[in-house]
N, C-alpha and C. Protein backbone atom coordinates (compact mmCIF):
# COMPACT_ATOMS: atom_id res chain seq x y z
N UNK A 1 -69.46 -83.58 26.28
CA UNK A 1 -67.86 -83.56 26.03
C UNK A 1 -67.31 -82.19 26.85
N UNK A 2 -68.11 -81.12 26.65
CA UNK A 2 -67.62 -79.93 26.91
C UNK A 2 -67.24 -80.08 28.53
N UNK A 3 -68.29 -80.58 29.38
CA UNK A 3 -68.15 -80.77 30.84
C UNK A 3 -66.96 -81.63 31.18
N UNK A 4 -66.62 -82.56 30.24
CA UNK A 4 -65.53 -83.47 30.64
C UNK A 4 -64.10 -82.83 30.32
N UNK A 5 -64.02 -81.59 29.33
CA UNK A 5 -62.90 -80.87 29.10
C UNK A 5 -62.67 -79.88 30.41
N UNK A 6 -63.82 -79.39 30.82
CA UNK A 6 -63.82 -78.32 31.97
C UNK A 6 -63.30 -79.17 33.25
N UNK A 7 -63.83 -80.69 33.57
CA UNK A 7 -63.17 -81.16 34.44
C UNK A 7 -61.63 -81.29 34.41
N UNK A 8 -61.35 -81.80 33.35
CA UNK A 8 -59.80 -81.83 33.23
C UNK A 8 -59.02 -80.68 33.39
N UNK A 9 -59.66 -79.60 32.96
CA UNK A 9 -59.03 -78.30 33.26
C UNK A 9 -58.79 -77.95 34.71
N UNK A 10 -59.84 -78.16 35.25
CA UNK A 10 -60.02 -77.79 36.76
C UNK A 10 -59.21 -78.84 37.58
N UNK A 11 -59.02 -80.33 37.26
CA UNK A 11 -58.02 -81.06 37.68
C UNK A 11 -56.47 -80.57 37.63
N UNK A 12 -56.29 -80.12 36.42
CA UNK A 12 -54.82 -79.38 36.37
C UNK A 12 -54.79 -78.26 37.13
N UNK A 13 -55.63 -77.28 37.11
CA UNK A 13 -55.55 -75.93 37.85
C UNK A 13 -55.59 -76.17 39.38
N UNK A 14 -56.37 -77.31 39.96
CA UNK A 14 -56.29 -77.45 41.34
C UNK A 14 -55.49 -78.72 41.62
N UNK A 15 -54.66 -78.90 41.00
CA UNK A 15 -53.67 -80.39 41.28
C UNK A 15 -52.87 -80.15 42.76
N UNK A 16 -52.76 -78.79 43.05
CA UNK A 16 -51.99 -78.58 44.56
C UNK A 16 -52.86 -78.86 45.61
N UNK A 17 -54.15 -78.94 45.37
CA UNK A 17 -55.08 -78.88 46.39
C UNK A 17 -55.59 -80.36 46.82
N UNK A 18 -55.54 -80.26 48.01
CA UNK A 18 -55.97 -81.76 48.33
C UNK A 18 -57.72 -82.20 48.40
N UNK A 19 -58.06 -81.94 47.22
CA UNK A 19 -59.43 -82.13 46.97
C UNK A 19 -59.87 -82.52 45.43
N UNK A 20 -61.01 -83.04 45.46
CA UNK A 20 -61.53 -83.54 43.95
C UNK A 20 -62.05 -82.45 43.29
N UNK A 21 -62.32 -82.53 41.96
CA UNK A 21 -63.07 -81.44 41.35
C UNK A 21 -64.52 -81.26 41.97
N UNK A 22 -65.16 -82.41 42.21
CA UNK A 22 -66.52 -82.17 42.85
C UNK A 22 -66.28 -81.62 44.10
N UNK A 23 -65.33 -81.75 45.06
CA UNK A 23 -65.47 -81.18 46.31
C UNK A 23 -65.16 -79.72 46.14
N UNK A 24 -64.20 -79.24 45.04
CA UNK A 24 -63.95 -77.89 44.75
C UNK A 24 -65.14 -77.31 44.07
N UNK A 25 -65.88 -77.79 43.52
CA UNK A 25 -67.09 -77.40 42.84
C UNK A 25 -68.04 -77.01 43.97
N UNK A 26 -68.18 -78.00 44.91
CA UNK A 26 -69.04 -77.75 46.09
C UNK A 26 -68.62 -76.56 47.14
N UNK A 27 -67.43 -76.29 47.12
CA UNK A 27 -66.86 -75.23 47.90
C UNK A 27 -67.17 -73.86 47.34
N UNK A 28 -67.06 -74.04 45.90
CA UNK A 28 -67.55 -72.68 45.08
C UNK A 28 -69.07 -72.40 45.29
N UNK A 29 -69.63 -73.52 45.21
CA UNK A 29 -71.11 -73.23 45.41
C UNK A 29 -71.73 -72.62 46.55
N UNK A 30 -70.72 -72.21 47.52
CA UNK A 30 -71.13 -71.63 48.58
C UNK A 30 -71.13 -69.90 48.45
N UNK A 31 -70.41 -69.59 47.36
CA UNK A 31 -70.30 -68.15 47.02
C UNK A 31 -71.52 -67.78 46.34
N UNK A 32 -72.32 -67.07 46.70
CA UNK A 32 -73.29 -66.57 46.10
C UNK A 32 -73.53 -64.84 45.91
N UNK A 33 -74.27 -64.35 44.79
CA UNK A 33 -74.39 -63.17 44.74
C UNK A 33 -75.52 -62.43 45.80
N UNK A 34 -75.35 -61.36 46.16
CA UNK A 34 -76.38 -60.64 47.18
C UNK A 34 -77.00 -59.52 46.41
N UNK A 35 -78.29 -59.44 46.48
CA UNK A 35 -79.19 -58.59 45.99
C UNK A 35 -79.14 -57.03 46.69
N UNK A 36 -78.83 -56.13 45.89
CA UNK A 36 -78.75 -54.88 46.61
C UNK A 36 -79.85 -53.91 45.84
N UNK A 37 -80.87 -53.46 46.70
CA UNK A 37 -82.00 -52.52 46.24
C UNK A 37 -81.77 -51.14 46.59
N UNK A 38 -81.47 -49.85 45.42
CA UNK A 38 -81.26 -48.80 45.68
C UNK A 38 -82.39 -48.11 45.32
N UNK A 39 -83.51 -47.71 45.96
CA UNK A 39 -84.57 -47.01 45.39
C UNK A 39 -85.43 -48.05 44.31
N UNK A 40 -85.57 -47.48 43.17
CA UNK A 40 -86.15 -48.41 42.17
C UNK A 40 -85.21 -49.32 41.46
N UNK A 41 -83.79 -48.88 41.53
CA UNK A 41 -82.86 -49.83 41.01
C UNK A 41 -82.39 -51.19 41.75
N UNK A 42 -81.86 -52.02 41.11
CA UNK A 42 -81.47 -53.27 41.76
C UNK A 42 -80.35 -53.87 41.03
N UNK A 43 -79.37 -54.49 41.64
CA UNK A 43 -78.14 -55.05 41.05
C UNK A 43 -77.84 -56.38 42.09
N UNK A 44 -76.81 -57.21 41.53
CA UNK A 44 -76.32 -58.28 42.51
C UNK A 44 -74.76 -57.94 42.55
N UNK A 45 -74.24 -57.93 43.88
CA UNK A 45 -72.91 -57.77 44.14
C UNK A 45 -72.38 -59.19 44.64
N UNK A 46 -71.16 -59.11 44.12
CA UNK A 46 -70.45 -60.67 44.66
C UNK A 46 -69.60 -60.33 45.55
N UNK A 47 -69.92 -60.89 46.93
CA UNK A 47 -69.10 -60.60 48.16
C UNK A 47 -67.51 -61.27 48.15
N UNK A 48 -66.97 -60.84 48.89
CA UNK A 48 -65.53 -61.48 49.00
C UNK A 48 -65.63 -62.75 49.42
N UNK A 49 -65.06 -63.61 48.66
CA UNK A 49 -65.09 -65.11 49.02
C UNK A 49 -64.11 -65.48 50.22
N UNK A 50 -64.60 -66.53 50.91
CA UNK A 50 -63.46 -66.85 51.92
C UNK A 50 -62.26 -67.39 51.33
N UNK A 51 -61.23 -67.67 52.22
CA UNK A 51 -59.96 -67.91 51.57
C UNK A 51 -59.76 -69.13 50.93
N UNK A 52 -60.41 -70.38 51.22
CA UNK A 52 -60.25 -71.42 50.33
C UNK A 52 -61.17 -71.26 48.99
N UNK A 53 -62.16 -70.68 48.96
CA UNK A 53 -62.85 -70.11 47.82
C UNK A 53 -62.02 -69.21 46.84
N UNK A 54 -61.47 -68.46 47.44
CA UNK A 54 -60.59 -67.40 46.58
C UNK A 54 -59.43 -68.12 46.07
N UNK A 55 -58.68 -68.98 46.82
CA UNK A 55 -57.51 -69.67 46.20
C UNK A 55 -57.88 -70.90 45.21
N UNK A 56 -59.04 -71.16 45.25
CA UNK A 56 -59.71 -72.21 44.04
C UNK A 56 -59.88 -71.34 42.63
N UNK A 57 -60.61 -70.01 43.11
CA UNK A 57 -60.67 -69.14 41.93
C UNK A 57 -59.39 -68.60 41.40
N UNK A 58 -58.64 -68.29 42.19
CA UNK A 58 -57.30 -67.70 41.47
C UNK A 58 -56.64 -68.74 41.01
N UNK A 59 -56.56 -70.14 41.27
CA UNK A 59 -55.87 -71.21 40.65
C UNK A 59 -56.64 -71.50 39.16
N UNK A 60 -57.74 -71.39 39.17
CA UNK A 60 -58.65 -71.52 37.85
C UNK A 60 -58.27 -70.37 36.86
N UNK A 61 -57.83 -69.52 37.42
CA UNK A 61 -57.50 -68.29 36.51
C UNK A 61 -58.71 -67.33 35.95
N UNK A 62 -59.94 -67.46 37.03
CA UNK A 62 -60.97 -66.76 36.73
C UNK A 62 -60.99 -65.45 37.64
N UNK A 63 -61.54 -64.41 36.88
CA UNK A 63 -61.68 -62.89 37.63
C UNK A 63 -63.25 -62.67 37.73
N UNK A 64 -63.75 -62.58 39.02
CA UNK A 64 -64.94 -62.36 39.44
C UNK A 64 -65.47 -60.96 39.24
N UNK A 65 -66.56 -60.63 38.54
CA UNK A 65 -66.83 -59.34 38.63
C UNK A 65 -67.26 -58.63 39.90
N UNK A 66 -67.43 -57.45 40.23
CA UNK A 66 -67.75 -56.98 41.78
C UNK A 66 -69.19 -56.79 41.37
N UNK A 67 -70.08 -56.41 40.38
CA UNK A 67 -71.28 -56.45 40.28
C UNK A 67 -71.70 -57.10 38.99
N UNK A 68 -73.18 -57.66 39.13
CA UNK A 68 -73.73 -58.24 37.95
C UNK A 68 -75.00 -57.59 37.83
N UNK A 69 -75.41 -57.64 36.48
CA UNK A 69 -76.72 -57.08 36.42
C UNK A 69 -77.83 -57.81 36.94
N UNK A 70 -78.99 -57.28 37.15
CA UNK A 70 -80.25 -58.15 37.80
C UNK A 70 -81.21 -58.29 36.75
N UNK A 71 -81.62 -59.58 36.59
CA UNK A 71 -82.50 -59.93 35.61
C UNK A 71 -83.95 -60.51 36.06
N UNK A 72 -84.89 -60.09 35.76
CA UNK A 72 -86.28 -60.38 36.29
C UNK A 72 -87.07 -61.34 35.15
N UNK A 73 -86.48 -62.28 34.70
CA UNK A 73 -86.88 -63.22 33.90
C UNK A 73 -87.30 -64.39 34.48
N UNK A 74 -88.51 -65.04 33.67
CA UNK A 74 -88.89 -66.15 34.27
C UNK A 74 -88.71 -67.19 33.16
N UNK A 75 -88.48 -68.40 33.56
CA UNK A 75 -88.12 -69.32 32.82
C UNK A 75 -89.48 -70.34 32.66
N UNK A 76 -89.83 -70.66 31.33
CA UNK A 76 -91.05 -71.58 31.18
C UNK A 76 -90.83 -72.31 30.04
N UNK A 77 -91.67 -73.50 29.94
CA UNK A 77 -91.63 -74.02 28.75
C UNK A 77 -92.94 -73.97 28.13
N UNK A 78 -92.84 -74.47 26.79
CA UNK A 78 -94.29 -74.38 26.03
C UNK A 78 -95.13 -75.50 26.64
N UNK A 79 -94.31 -76.35 26.64
CA UNK A 79 -95.09 -78.01 27.08
C UNK A 79 -94.34 -78.32 28.52
N UNK A 80 -95.25 -78.76 29.56
CA UNK A 80 -94.87 -79.29 30.72
C UNK A 80 -93.96 -80.62 30.49
N UNK A 81 -93.21 -80.73 31.28
CA UNK A 81 -92.50 -81.94 31.17
C UNK A 81 -93.25 -83.19 31.36
N UNK A 82 -94.03 -83.51 32.08
CA UNK A 82 -94.88 -84.45 32.38
C UNK A 82 -95.75 -84.99 30.97
N UNK A 83 -96.07 -84.17 30.05
CA UNK A 83 -96.78 -84.42 28.91
C UNK A 83 -95.68 -85.30 28.00
N UNK A 84 -94.46 -84.80 28.11
CA UNK A 84 -93.51 -85.46 27.22
C UNK A 84 -92.65 -86.75 27.68
N UNK A 85 -93.05 -87.17 29.12
CA UNK A 85 -92.66 -88.27 29.50
C UNK A 85 -93.62 -89.65 29.16
N UNK A 86 -92.67 -90.58 28.77
CA UNK A 86 -93.56 -91.90 28.58
C UNK A 86 -94.23 -92.69 29.60
N UNK A 87 -95.46 -93.23 29.47
CA UNK A 87 -96.13 -93.73 30.56
C UNK A 87 -95.51 -95.12 30.86
N UNK A 88 -95.21 -95.53 31.91
CA UNK A 88 -94.27 -96.86 32.15
C UNK A 88 -95.50 -97.59 32.85
N UNK A 89 -95.98 -98.59 32.40
CA UNK A 89 -97.01 -99.33 33.01
C UNK A 89 -96.20 -100.59 33.43
N UNK A 90 -96.07 -101.11 34.51
CA UNK A 90 -95.37 -102.39 35.05
C UNK A 90 -96.47 -103.37 35.22
């Protein structure tokens, strides 16, 4: 339900652009954080987006941070996914 509401809001915000929400999200996926290492410290910076991406961000009313904290976390599950899948014998 939340994803549907987000899609509706993006359709409203990006109504003046000649693209679908999926195409807009594909454009936004090109914006990636850059890891900056200074001595022992590390942070992620958000580069200046290209014009089309910047227009989409402004139209959606989002303000990007200049710097993001760096996290060294690993994501793991207690049980592997394969053990939870049902065996399908055809």
